[in-house]
Amino acid sequence: MNVEEIREYCLGKKAVTECFPFDEDTLVFKVAGKMFALSALEKPANIVLKCDPDRAVELREHYSSITGAYHMNKTMWNQIDIDGSVPHELILELIDHSYDLVVAKLSRKERDLL
């Protein structure tokens, strides 16, 4: 999996936008103006995703390339190094999970607009 595949997958989700609010290397994906994924464009490639706290700990224990996200609340955000050690399908599942967590926190009106 590479950054372009991640980008295409994220943008394929409903109401997702992309931007560079931090720097020219960190691509941020938002749904309804709320971040659900960040991806480094330069090497080493990685993706930062929101995650249920209990699942976040479990994933970090199982995969050495999943860690608490730098500069983020490490209870809720994981960084996944895109080095081939985390299965492609799991990364896609975790993108879905992050998106769903953010959508669930939107107001009913915002969710209805999606």
PDB file of N, CA and C in Angstrom:
ATOM      1  N   MET A   1       0.858  -1.178   0.000  1.00  0.00           N
ATOM      2  CA  MET A   1       0.000   0.000   0.000  1.00  0.00           C
ATOM      3  C   MET A   1       0.896   1.230   0.000  1.00  0.00           C
ATOM      4  N   ASN A   2       0.478   2.241  -0.754  1.00  0.00           N
ATOM      5  CA  ASN A   2       1.248   3.484  -0.789  1.00  0.00           C
ATOM      6  C   ASN A   2       0.335   4.679  -0.520  1.00  0.00           C
ATOM      7  N   VAL A   3       0.933   5.849  -0.467  1.00  0.00           N
ATOM      8  CA  VAL A   3       0.200   7.060  -0.115  1.00  0.00           C
ATOM      9  C   VAL A   3      -0.906   7.356  -1.134  1.00  0.00           C
ATOM     10  N   GLU A   4      -0.650   7.112  -2.390  1.00  0.00           N
ATOM     11  CA  GLU A   4      -1.675   7.394  -3.412  1.00  0.00           C
ATOM     12  C   GLU A   4      -2.882   6.469  -3.249  1.00  0.00           C
ATOM     13  N   GLU A   5      -2.644   5.212  -2.911  1.00  0.00           N
ATOM     14  CA  GLU A   5      -3.760   4.291  -2.654  1.00  0.00           C
ATOM     15  C   GLU A   5      -4.567   4.747  -1.442  1.00  0.00           C
ATOM     16  N   ILE A   6      -3.875   5.198  -0.408  1.00  0.00           N
ATOM     17  CA  ILE A   6      -4.550   5.718   0.781  1.00  0.00           C
ATOM     18  C   ILE A   6      -5.387   6.930   0.406  1.00  0.00           C
ATOM     19  N   ARG A   7      -4.805   7.831  -0.368  1.00  0.00           N
ATOM     20  CA  ARG A   7      -5.506   9.052  -0.793  1.00  0.00           C
ATOM     21  C   ARG A   7      -6.778   8.699  -1.563  1.00  0.00           C
ATOM     22  N   GLU A   8      -6.661   7.821  -2.534  1.00  0.00           N
ATOM     23  CA  GLU A   8      -7.825   7.438  -3.336  1.00  0.00           C
ATOM     24  C   GLU A   8      -8.913   6.794  -2.474  1.00  0.00           C
ATOM     25  N   TYR A   9      -8.507   5.946  -1.541  1.00  0.00           N
ATOM     26  CA  TYR A   9      -9.481   5.280  -0.678  1.00  0.00           C
ATOM     27  C   TYR A   9     -10.208   6.293   0.207  1.00  0.00           C
ATOM     28  N   CYS A  10      -9.454   7.198   0.819  1.00  0.00           N
ATOM     29  CA  CYS A  10     -10.065   8.207   1.698  1.00  0.00           C
ATOM     30  C   CYS A  10     -11.003   9.116   0.916  1.00  0.00           C
ATOM     31  N   LEU A  11     -10.582   9.562  -0.253  1.00  0.00           N
ATOM     32  CA  LEU A  11     -11.410  10.466  -1.050  1.00  0.00           C
ATOM     33  C   LEU A  11     -12.645   9.767  -1.620  1.00  0.00           C
ATOM     34  N   GLY A  12     -12.636   8.460  -1.643  1.00  0.00           N
ATOM     35  CA  GLY A  12     -13.793   7.699  -2.102  1.00  0.00           C
ATOM     36  C   GLY A  12     -14.911   7.634  -1.079  1.00  0.00           C
ATOM     37  N   LYS A  13     -14.637   8.062   0.120  1.00  0.00           N
ATOM     38  CA  LYS A  13     -15.652   8.054   1.166  1.00  0.00           C
ATOM     39  C   LYS A  13     -16.529   9.301   1.046  1.00  0.00           C
ATOM     40  N   LYS A  14     -17.729   9.210   1.544  1.00  0.00           N
ATOM     41  CA  LYS A  14     -18.705  10.281   1.419  1.00  0.00           C
ATOM     42  C   LYS A  14     -18.270  11.554   2.146  1.00  0.00           C
ATOM     43  N   ALA A  15     -18.347  12.686   1.439  1.00  0.00           N
ATOM     44  CA  ALA A  15     -18.127  14.038   1.986  1.00  0.00           C
ATOM     45  C   ALA A  15     -16.705  14.282   2.495  1.00  0.00           C
ATOM     46  N   VAL A  16     -15.721  13.583   1.941  1.00  0.00           N
ATOM     47  CA  VAL A  16     -14.332  13.748   2.384  1.00  0.00           C
ATOM     48  C   VAL A  16     -13.641  14.819   1.550  1.00  0.00           C
ATOM     49  N   THR A  17     -12.874  15.653   2.252  1.00  0.00           N
ATOM     50  CA  THR A  17     -12.037  16.660   1.598  1.00  0.00           C
ATOM     51  C   THR A  17     -10.605  16.442   2.043  1.00  0.00           C
ATOM     52  N   GLU A  18      -9.673  17.006   1.283  1.00  0.00           N
ATOM     53  CA  GLU A  18      -8.261  16.917   1.636  1.00  0.00           C
ATOM     54  C   GLU A  18      -7.679  18.323   1.682  1.00  0.00           C
ATOM     55  N   CYS A  19      -6.676  18.498   2.532  1.00  0.00           N
ATOM     56  CA  CYS A  19      -6.024  19.804   2.643  1.00  0.00           C
ATOM     57  C   CYS A  19      -4.640  19.627   3.268  1.00  0.00           C
ATOM     58  N   PHE A  20      -3.889  20.718   3.305  1.00  0.00           N
ATOM     59  CA  PHE A  20      -2.557  20.745   3.903  1.00  0.00           C
ATOM     60  C   PHE A  20      -2.516  21.850   4.960  1.00  0.00           C
ATOM     61  N   PRO A  21      -3.193  21.685   6.089  1.00  0.00           N
ATOM     62  CA  PRO A  21      -3.252  22.770   7.082  1.00  0.00           C
ATOM     63  C   PRO A  21      -1.975  22.946   7.903  1.00  0.00           C
ATOM     64  N   PHE A  22      -1.120  21.934   7.951  1.00  0.00           N
ATOM     65  CA  PHE A  22       0.058  21.996   8.818  1.00  0.00           C
ATOM     66  C   PHE A  22       1.335  22.336   8.061  1.00  0.00           C
ATOM     67  N   ASP A  23       1.576  21.634   6.974  1.00  0.00           N
ATOM     68  CA  ASP A  23       2.759  21.853   6.154  1.00  0.00           C
ATOM     69  C   ASP A  23       2.516  21.202   4.792  1.00  0.00           C
ATOM     70  N   GLU A  24       3.482  21.324   3.889  1.00  0.00           N
ATOM     71  CA  GLU A  24       3.301  20.792   2.540  1.00  0.00           C
ATOM     72  C   GLU A  24       3.536  19.280   2.447  1.00  0.00           C
ATOM     73  N   ASP A  25       3.898  18.650   3.557  1.00  0.00           N
ATOM     74  CA  ASP A  25       4.163  17.212   3.564  1.00  0.00           C
ATOM     75  C   ASP A  25       3.061  16.395   4.228  1.00  0.00           C
ATOM     76  N   THR A  26       2.164  17.034   4.976  1.00  0.00           N
ATOM     77  CA  THR A  26       1.155  16.296   5.733  1.00  0.00           C
ATOM     78  C   THR A  26      -0.224  16.516   5.121  1.00  0.00           C
ATOM     79  N   LEU A  27      -0.709  15.499   4.446  1.00  0.00           N
ATOM     80  CA  LEU A  27      -2.017  15.543   3.807  1.00  0.00           C
ATOM     81  C   LEU A  27      -3.068  15.137   4.841  1.00  0.00           C
ATOM     82  N   VAL A  28      -4.074  15.986   5.013  1.00  0.00           N
ATOM     83  CA  VAL A  28      -5.120  15.756   6.014  1.00  0.00           C
ATOM     84  C   VAL A  28      -6.444  15.486   5.303  1.00  0.00           C
ATOM     85  N   PHE A  29      -7.135  14.463   5.759  1.00  0.00           N
ATOM     86  CA  PHE A  29      -8.454  14.120   5.233  1.00  0.00           C
ATOM     87  C   PHE A  29      -9.489  14.443   6.297  1.00  0.00           C
ATOM     88  N   LYS A  30     -10.561  15.108   5.859  1.00  0.00           N
ATOM     89  CA  LYS A  30     -11.613  15.523   6.778  1.00  0.00           C
ATOM     90  C   LYS A  30     -12.971  15.090   6.245  1.00  0.00           C
ATOM     91  N   VAL A  31     -13.873  14.835   7.189  1.00  0.00           N
ATOM     92  CA  VAL A  31     -15.275  14.622   6.860  1.00  0.00           C
ATOM     93  C   VAL A  31     -16.041  15.669   7.656  1.00  0.00           C
ATOM     94  N   ALA A  32     -16.865  16.441   6.968  1.00  0.00           N
ATOM     95  CA  ALA A  32     -17.630  17.528   7.590  1.00  0.00           C
ATOM     96  C   ALA A  32     -16.711  18.459   8.386  1.00  0.00           C
ATOM     97  N   GLY A  33     -15.511  18.699   7.876  1.00  0.00           N
ATOM     98  CA  GLY A  33     -14.581  19.613   8.516  1.00  0.00           C
ATOM     99  C   GLY A  33     -13.807  19.040   9.688  1.00  0.00           C
ATOM    100  N   LYS A  34     -13.982  17.756   9.978  1.00  0.00           N
ATOM    101  CA  LYS A  34     -13.299  17.100  11.111  1.00  0.00           C
ATOM    102  C   LYS A  34     -12.277  16.094  10.579  1.00  0.00           C
ATOM    103  N   MET A  35     -11.064  16.145  11.139  1.00  0.00           N
ATOM    104  CA  MET A  35     -10.000  15.236  10.714  1.00  0.00           C
ATOM    105  C   MET A  35     -10.311  13.793  11.083  1.00  0.00           C
ATOM    106  N   PHE A  36     -10.045  12.901  10.137  1.00  0.00           N
ATOM    107  CA  PHE A  36     -10.103  11.481  10.467  1.00  0.00           C
ATOM    108  C   PHE A  36      -8.837  10.751  10.036  1.00  0.00           C
ATOM    109  N   ALA A  37      -8.006  11.393   9.196  1.00  0.00           N
ATOM    110  CA  ALA A  37      -6.761  10.761   8.757  1.00  0.00           C
ATOM    111  C   ALA A  37      -5.754  11.826   8.341  1.00  0.00           C
ATOM    112  N   LEU A  38      -4.494  11.526   8.618  1.00  0.00           N
ATOM    113  CA  LEU A  38      -3.372  12.356   8.186  1.00  0.00           C
ATOM    114  C   LEU A  38      -2.358  11.413   7.567  1.00  0.00           C
ATOM    115  N   SER A  39      -1.715  11.856   6.511  1.00  0.00           N
ATOM    116  CA  SER A  39      -0.728  11.003   5.873  1.00  0.00           C
ATOM    117  C   SER A  39       0.495  11.806   5.474  1.00  0.00           C
ATOM    118  N   ALA A  40       1.668  11.269   5.789  1.00  0.00           N
ATOM    119  CA  ALA A  40       2.929  11.892   5.378  1.00  0.00           C
ATOM    120  C   ALA A  40       3.201  11.535   3.930  1.00  0.00           C
ATOM    121  N   LEU A  41       3.511  12.528   3.131  1.00  0.00           N
ATOM    122  CA  LEU A  41       3.788  12.277   1.714  1.00  0.00           C
ATOM    123  C   LEU A  41       5.229  11.872   1.471  1.00  0.00           C
ATOM    124  N   GLU A  42       6.135  12.309   2.323  1.00  0.00           N
ATOM    125  CA  GLU A  42       7.548  11.981   2.186  1.00  0.00           C
ATOM    126  C   GLU A  42       7.855  10.688   2.921  1.00  0.00           C
ATOM    127  N   LYS A  43       8.992  10.115   2.622  1.00  0.00           N
ATOM    128  CA  LYS A  43       9.448   8.901   3.299  1.00  0.00           C
ATOM    129  C   LYS A  43       9.867   9.242   4.719  1.00  0.00           C
ATOM    130  N   PRO A  44       9.678   8.426   5.703  1.00  0.00           N
ATOM    131  CA  PRO A  44       8.917   7.180   5.615  1.00  0.00           C
ATOM    132  C   PRO A  44       7.420   7.469   5.589  1.00  0.00           C
ATOM    133  N   ALA A  45       6.712   6.806   4.724  1.00  0.00           N
ATOM    134  CA  ALA A  45       5.274   7.010   4.587  1.00  0.00           C
ATOM    135  C   ALA A  45       4.548   6.431   5.800  1.00  0.00           C
ATOM    136  N   ASN A  46       3.525   7.151   6.236  1.00  0.00           N
ATOM    137  CA  ASN A  46       2.699   6.670   7.338  1.00  0.00           C
ATOM    138  C   ASN A  46       1.315   7.278   7.223  1.00  0.00           C
ATOM    139  N   ILE A  47       0.410   6.765   8.033  1.00  0.00           N
ATOM    140  CA  ILE A  47      -0.927   7.319   8.135  1.00  0.00           C
ATOM    141  C   ILE A  47      -1.296   7.369   9.609  1.00  0.00           C
ATOM    142  N   VAL A  48      -1.949   8.445  10.002  1.00  0.00           N
ATOM    143  CA  VAL A  48      -2.412   8.626  11.370  1.00  0.00           C
ATOM    144  C   VAL A  48      -3.933   8.536  11.343  1.00  0.00           C
ATOM    145  N   LEU A  49      -4.488   7.683  12.210  1.00  0.00           N
ATOM    146  CA  LEU A  49      -5.922   7.427  12.223  1.00  0.00           C
ATOM    147  C   LEU A  49      -6.477   7.443  13.641  1.00  0.00           C
ATOM    148  N   LYS A  50      -7.689   7.937  13.772  1.00  0.00           N
ATOM    149  CA  LYS A  50      -8.393   7.879  15.047  1.00  0.00           C
ATOM    150  C   LYS A  50      -8.784   6.423  15.308  1.00  0.00           C
ATOM    151  N   CYS A  51      -8.800   6.045  16.588  1.00  0.00           N
ATOM    152  CA  CYS A  51      -9.090   4.650  16.923  1.00  0.00           C
ATOM    153  C   CYS A  51      -9.719   4.568  18.302  1.00  0.00           C
ATOM    154  N   ASP A  52     -10.593   3.606  18.480  1.00  0.00           N
ATOM    155  CA  ASP A  52     -11.140   3.317  19.797  1.00  0.00           C
ATOM    156  C   ASP A  52      -9.968   3.043  20.734  1.00  0.00           C
ATOM    157  N   PRO A  53      -9.943   3.656  21.941  1.00  0.00           N
ATOM    158  CA  PRO A  53      -8.784   3.522  22.834  1.00  0.00           C
ATOM    159  C   PRO A  53      -8.379   2.083  23.158  1.00  0.00           C
ATOM    160  N   ASP A  54      -9.328   1.214  23.422  1.00  0.00           N
ATOM    161  CA  ASP A  54      -8.987  -0.179  23.741  1.00  0.00           C
ATOM    162  C   ASP A  54      -8.390  -0.891  22.533  1.00  0.00           C
ATOM    163  N   ARG A  55      -8.960  -0.639  21.389  1.00  0.00           N
ATOM    164  CA  ARG A  55      -8.438  -1.260  20.172  1.00  0.00           C
ATOM    165  C   ARG A  55      -7.067  -0.690  19.825  1.00  0.00           C
ATOM    166  N   ALA A  56      -6.858   0.605  20.093  1.00  0.00           N
ATOM    167  CA  ALA A  56      -5.563   1.238  19.810  1.00  0.00           C
ATOM    168  C   ALA A  56      -4.444   0.525  20.554  1.00  0.00           C
ATOM    169  N   VAL A  57      -4.672   0.243  21.827  1.00  0.00           N
ATOM    170  CA  VAL A  57      -3.669  -0.455  22.643  1.00  0.00           C
ATOM    171  C   VAL A  57      -3.424  -1.852  22.100  1.00  0.00           C
ATOM    172  N   GLU A  58      -4.485  -2.559  21.773  1.00  0.00           N
ATOM    173  CA  GLU A  58      -4.365  -3.915  21.232  1.00  0.00           C
ATOM    174  C   GLU A  58      -3.543  -3.930  19.939  1.00  0.00           C
ATOM    175  N   LEU A  59      -3.815  -2.976  19.045  1.00  0.00           N
ATOM    176  CA  LEU A  59      -3.081  -2.904  17.784  1.00  0.00           C
ATOM    177  C   LEU A  59      -1.600  -2.619  18.012  1.00  0.00           C
ATOM    178  N   ARG A  60      -1.291  -1.720  18.943  1.00  0.00           N
ATOM    179  CA  ARG A  60       0.105  -1.375  19.242  1.00  0.00           C
ATOM    180  C   ARG A  60       0.864  -2.561  19.821  1.00  0.00           C
ATOM    181  N   GLU A  61       0.151  -3.394  20.592  1.00  0.00           N
ATOM    182  CA  GLU A  61       0.790  -4.580  21.159  1.00  0.00           C
ATOM    183  C   GLU A  61       1.061  -5.634  20.089  1.00  0.00           C
ATOM    184  N   HIS A  62       0.238  -5.674  19.072  1.00  0.00           N
ATOM    185  CA  HIS A  62       0.346  -6.708  18.047  1.00  0.00           C
ATOM    186  C   HIS A  62       1.275  -6.333  16.893  1.00  0.00           C
ATOM    187  N   TYR A  63       1.339  -5.047  16.549  1.00  0.00           N
ATOM    188  CA  TYR A  63       2.141  -4.584  15.416  1.00  0.00           C
ATOM    189  C   TYR A  63       3.153  -3.535  15.872  1.00  0.00           C
ATOM    190  N   SER A  64       4.412  -3.801  15.643  1.00  0.00           N
ATOM    191  CA  SER A  64       5.452  -2.849  16.043  1.00  0.00           C
ATOM    192  C   SER A  64       5.422  -1.570  15.202  1.00  0.00           C
ATOM    193  N   SER A  65       4.812  -1.614  14.028  1.00  0.00           N
ATOM    194  CA  SER A  65       4.746  -0.426  13.176  1.00  0.00           C
ATOM    195  C   SER A  65       3.485   0.410  13.434  1.00  0.00           C
ATOM    196  N   ILE A  66       2.722   0.061  14.464  1.00  0.00           N
ATOM    197  CA  ILE A  66       1.596   0.887  14.913  1.00  0.00           C
ATOM    198  C   ILE A  66       1.962   1.436  16.279  1.00  0.00           C
ATOM    199  N   THR A  67       2.009   2.755  16.365  1.00  0.00           N
ATOM    200  CA  THR A  67       2.394   3.435  17.605  1.00  0.00           C
ATOM    201  C   THR A  67       1.430   4.572  17.884  1.00  0.00           C
ATOM    202  N   GLY A  68       1.545   5.159  19.076  1.00  0.00           N
ATOM    203  CA  GLY A  68       0.787   6.362  19.381  1.00  0.00           C
ATOM    204  C   GLY A  68       1.245   7.468  18.445  1.00  0.00           C
ATOM    205  N   ALA A  69       0.306   8.224  17.923  1.00  0.00           N
ATOM    206  CA  ALA A  69       0.624   9.234  16.908  1.00  0.00           C
ATOM    207  C   ALA A  69       1.345  10.434  17.510  1.00  0.00           C
ATOM    208  N   TYR A  70       2.413  10.813  16.862  1.00  0.00           N
ATOM    209  CA  TYR A  70       3.223  11.965  17.244  1.00  0.00           C
ATOM    210  C   TYR A  70       2.373  13.232  17.164  1.00  0.00           C
ATOM    211  N   HIS A  71       2.439  14.065  18.175  1.00  0.00           N
ATOM    212  CA  HIS A  71       1.706  15.343  18.254  1.00  0.00           C
ATOM    213  C   HIS A  71       0.189  15.179  18.339  1.00  0.00           C
ATOM    214  N   MET A  72      -0.295  13.994  18.635  1.00  0.00           N
ATOM    215  CA  MET A  72      -1.740  13.771  18.740  1.00  0.00           C
ATOM    216  C   MET A  72      -2.020  13.127  20.096  1.00  0.00           C
ATOM    217  N   ASN A  73      -3.285  13.080  20.466  1.00  0.00           N
ATOM    218  CA  ASN A  73      -3.694  12.397  21.684  1.00  0.00           C
ATOM    219  C   ASN A  73      -3.468  10.903  21.460  1.00  0.00           C
ATOM    220  N   LYS A  74      -2.465  10.365  22.118  1.00  0.00           N
ATOM    221  CA  LYS A  74      -2.067   8.976  21.888  1.00  0.00           C
ATOM    222  C   LYS A  74      -3.098   7.968  22.382  1.00  0.00           C
ATOM    223  N   THR A  75      -4.074   8.419  23.154  1.00  0.00           N
ATOM    224  CA  THR A  75      -5.147   7.530  23.579  1.00  0.00           C
ATOM    225  C   THR A  75      -6.064   7.192  22.413  1.00  0.00           C
ATOM    226  N   MET A  76      -6.262   8.170  21.520  1.00  0.00           N
ATOM    227  CA  MET A  76      -7.249   8.025  20.447  1.00  0.00           C
ATOM    228  C   MET A  76      -6.667   7.983  19.031  1.00  0.00           C
ATOM    229  N   TRP A  77      -5.368   8.230  18.881  1.00  0.00           N
ATOM    230  CA  TRP A  77      -4.790   8.313  17.539  1.00  0.00           C
ATOM    231  C   TRP A  77      -3.578   7.393  17.409  1.00  0.00           C
ATOM    232  N   ASN A  78      -3.571   6.585  16.359  1.00  0.00           N
ATOM    233  CA  ASN A  78      -2.459   5.693  16.052  1.00  0.00           C
ATOM    234  C   ASN A  78      -1.742   6.152  14.794  1.00  0.00           C
ATOM    235  N   GLN A  79      -0.440   5.945  14.774  1.00  0.00           N
ATOM    236  CA  GLN A  79       0.345   6.138  13.561  1.00  0.00           C
ATOM    237  C   GLN A  79       0.722   4.766  13.038  1.00  0.00           C
ATOM    238  N   ILE A  80       0.467   4.542  11.753  1.00  0.00           N
ATOM    239  CA  ILE A  80       0.793   3.277  11.122  1.00  0.00           C
ATOM    240  C   ILE A  80       1.866   3.544  10.071  1.00  0.00           C
ATOM    241  N   ASP A  81       3.023   2.955  10.249  1.00  0.00           N
ATOM    242  CA  ASP A  81       4.071   3.073   9.250  1.00  0.00           C
ATOM    243  C   ASP A  81       3.707   2.175   8.077  1.00  0.00           C
ATOM    244  N   ILE A  82       3.746   2.740   6.892  1.00  0.00           N
ATOM    245  CA  ILE A  82       3.400   1.991   5.685  1.00  0.00           C
ATOM    246  C   ILE A  82       4.671   1.308   5.185  1.00  0.00           C
ATOM    247  N   ASP A  83       4.990   0.187   5.834  1.00  0.00           N
ATOM    248  CA  ASP A  83       6.221  -0.539   5.528  1.00  0.00           C
ATOM    249  C   ASP A  83       5.958  -1.986   5.115  1.00  0.00           C
ATOM    250  N   GLY A  84       4.679  -2.318   4.949  1.00  0.00           N
ATOM    251  CA  GLY A  84       4.328  -3.670   4.532  1.00  0.00           C
ATOM    252  C   GLY A  84       4.060  -4.640   5.669  1.00  0.00           C
ATOM    253  N   SER A  85       4.323  -4.232   6.907  1.00  0.00           N
ATOM    254  CA  SER A  85       4.137  -5.155   8.026  1.00  0.00           C
ATOM    255  C   SER A  85       2.687  -5.219   8.521  1.00  0.00           C
ATOM    256  N   VAL A  86       1.892  -4.221   8.200  1.00  0.00           N
ATOM    257  CA  VAL A  86       0.465  -4.230   8.551  1.00  0.00           C
ATOM    258  C   VAL A  86      -0.300  -4.577   7.276  1.00  0.00           C
ATOM    259  N   PRO A  87      -1.147  -5.600   7.333  1.00  0.00           N
ATOM    260  CA  PRO A  87      -1.868  -6.020   6.128  1.00  0.00           C
ATOM    261  C   PRO A  87      -2.691  -4.893   5.508  1.00  0.00           C
ATOM    262  N   HIS A  88      -2.686  -4.874   4.197  1.00  0.00           N
ATOM    263  CA  HIS A  88      -3.424  -3.884   3.401  1.00  0.00           C
ATOM    264  C   HIS A  88      -4.889  -3.797   3.855  1.00  0.00           C
ATOM    265  N   GLU A  89      -5.535  -4.944   4.028  1.00  0.00           N
ATOM    266  CA  GLU A  89      -6.940  -4.997   4.410  1.00  0.00           C
ATOM    267  C   GLU A  89      -7.165  -4.373   5.784  1.00  0.00           C
ATOM    268  N   LEU A  90      -6.223  -4.568   6.700  1.00  0.00           N
ATOM    269  CA  LEU A  90      -6.347  -3.987   8.034  1.00  0.00           C
ATOM    270  C   LEU A  90      -6.232  -2.470   7.965  1.00  0.00           C
ATOM    271  N   ILE A  91      -5.334  -1.958   7.152  1.00  0.00           N
ATOM    272  CA  ILE A  91      -5.208  -0.504   7.015  1.00  0.00           C
ATOM    273  C   ILE A  91      -6.522   0.078   6.488  1.00  0.00           C
ATOM    274  N   LEU A  92      -7.113  -0.554   5.486  1.00  0.00           N
ATOM    275  CA  LEU A  92      -8.396  -0.080   4.963  1.00  0.00           C
ATOM    276  C   LEU A  92      -9.480  -0.132   6.032  1.00  0.00           C
ATOM    277  N   GLU A  93      -9.496  -1.208   6.809  1.00  0.00           N
ATOM    278  CA  GLU A  93     -10.466  -1.344   7.897  1.00  0.00           C
ATOM    279  C   GLU A  93     -10.276  -0.236   8.934  1.00  0.00           C
ATOM    280  N   LEU A  94      -9.026   0.090   9.241  1.00  0.00           N
ATOM    281  CA  LEU A  94      -8.754   1.131  10.230  1.00  0.00           C
ATOM    282  C   LEU A  94      -9.096   2.525   9.701  1.00  0.00           C
ATOM    283  N   ILE A  95      -8.963   2.736   8.399  1.00  0.00           N
ATOM    284  CA  ILE A  95      -9.426   4.002   7.801  1.00  0.00           C
ATOM    285  C   ILE A  95     -10.943   4.101   7.965  1.00  0.00           C
ATOM    286  N   ASP A  96     -11.643   3.014   7.673  1.00  0.00           N
ATOM    287  CA  ASP A  96     -13.101   2.996   7.845  1.00  0.00           C
ATOM    288  C   ASP A  96     -13.486   3.262   9.296  1.00  0.00           C
ATOM    289  N   HIS A  97     -12.779   2.635  10.212  1.00  0.00           N
ATOM    290  CA  HIS A  97     -13.041   2.790  11.639  1.00  0.00           C
ATOM    291  C   HIS A  97     -12.857   4.248  12.067  1.00  0.00           C
ATOM    292  N   SER A  98     -11.787   4.873  11.622  1.00  0.00           N
ATOM    293  CA  SER A  98     -11.525   6.269  11.962  1.00  0.00           C
ATOM    294  C   SER A  98     -12.628   7.170  11.405  1.00  0.00           C
ATOM    295  N   TYR A  99     -12.966   6.969  10.153  1.00  0.00           N
ATOM    296  CA  TYR A  99     -14.038   7.739   9.514  1.00  0.00           C
ATOM    297  C   TYR A  99     -15.343   7.580  10.300  1.00  0.00           C
ATOM    298  N   ASP A 100     -15.688   6.343  10.640  1.00  0.00           N
ATOM    299  CA  ASP A 100     -16.935   6.066  11.365  1.00  0.00           C
ATOM    300  C   ASP A 100     -16.944   6.718  12.745  1.00  0.00           C
ATOM    301  N   LEU A 101     -15.807   6.716  13.437  1.00  0.00           N
ATOM    302  CA  LEU A 101     -15.734   7.361  14.752  1.00  0.00           C
ATOM    303  C   LEU A 101     -16.007   8.859  14.642  1.00  0.00           C
ATOM    304  N   VAL A 102     -15.450   9.485  13.635  1.00  0.00           N
ATOM    305  CA  VAL A 102     -15.646  10.927  13.457  1.00  0.00           C
ATOM    306  C   VAL A 102     -17.088  11.223  13.059  1.00  0.00           C
ATOM    307  N   VAL A 103     -17.635  10.458  12.142  1.00  0.00           N
ATOM    308  CA  VAL A 103     -19.017  10.661  11.718  1.00  0.00           C
ATOM    309  C   VAL A 103     -19.975  10.471  12.897  1.00  0.00           C
ATOM    310  N   ALA A 104     -19.711   9.506  13.749  1.00  0.00           N
ATOM    311  CA  ALA A 104     -20.579   9.243  14.903  1.00  0.00           C
ATOM    312  C   ALA A 104     -20.629  10.427  15.862  1.00  0.00           C
ATOM    313  N   LYS A 105     -19.581  11.241  15.893  1.00  0.00           N
ATOM    314  CA  LYS A 105     -19.535  12.401  16.792  1.00  0.00           C
ATOM    315  C   LYS A 105     -20.166  13.654  16.179  1.00  0.00           C
ATOM    316  N   LEU A 106     -20.520  13.593  14.896  1.00  0.00           N
ATOM    317  CA  LEU A 106     -21.169  14.731  14.264  1.00  0.00           C
ATOM    318  C   LEU A 106     -22.591  14.884  14.786  1.00  0.00           C
ATOM    319  N   SER A 107     -23.103  16.085  14.681  1.00  0.00           N
ATOM    320  CA  SER A 107     -24.495  16.292  15.083  1.00  0.00           C
ATOM    321  C   SER A 107     -25.414  15.521  14.130  1.00  0.00           C
ATOM    322  N   ARG A 108     -26.612  15.281  14.573  1.00  0.00           N
ATOM    323  CA  ARG A 108     -27.563  14.556  13.732  1.00  0.00           C
ATOM    324  C   ARG A 108     -27.791  15.302  12.413  1.00  0.00           C
ATOM    325  N   LYS A 109     -27.858  16.603  12.488  1.00  0.00           N
ATOM    326  CA  LYS A 109     -28.060  17.419  11.283  1.00  0.00           C
ATOM    327  C   LYS A 109     -26.897  17.218  10.306  1.00  0.00           C
ATOM    328  N   GLU A 110     -25.661  17.226  10.826  1.00  0.00           N
ATOM    329  CA  GLU A 110     -24.491  17.020   9.968  1.00  0.00           C
ATOM    330  C   GLU A 110     -24.492  15.623   9.358  1.00  0.00           C
ATOM    331  N   ARG A 111     -24.842  14.618  10.166  1.00  0.00           N
ATOM    332  CA  ARG A 111     -24.907  13.241   9.655  1.00  0.00           C
ATOM    333  C   ARG A 111     -25.973  13.101   8.578  1.00  0.00           C
ATOM    334  N   ASP A 112     -27.114  13.765   8.768  1.00  0.00           N
ATOM    335  CA  ASP A 112     -28.186  13.697   7.782  1.00  0.00           C
ATOM    336  C   ASP A 112     -27.773  14.316   6.457  1.00  0.00           C
ATOM    337  N   LEU A 113     -26.890  15.329   6.511  1.00  0.00           N
ATOM    338  CA  LEU A 113     -26.407  15.975   5.288  1.00  0.00           C
ATOM    339  C   LEU A 113     -25.464  15.063   4.503  1.00  0.00           C
ATOM    340  N   LEU A 114     -24.847  14.115   5.201  1.00  0.00           N
ATOM    341  CA  LEU A 114     -23.959  13.180   4.525  1.00  0.00           C
ATOM    342  C   LEU A 114     -24.766  12.224   3.670  1.00  0.00           C
TER     343      LEU A 114
END
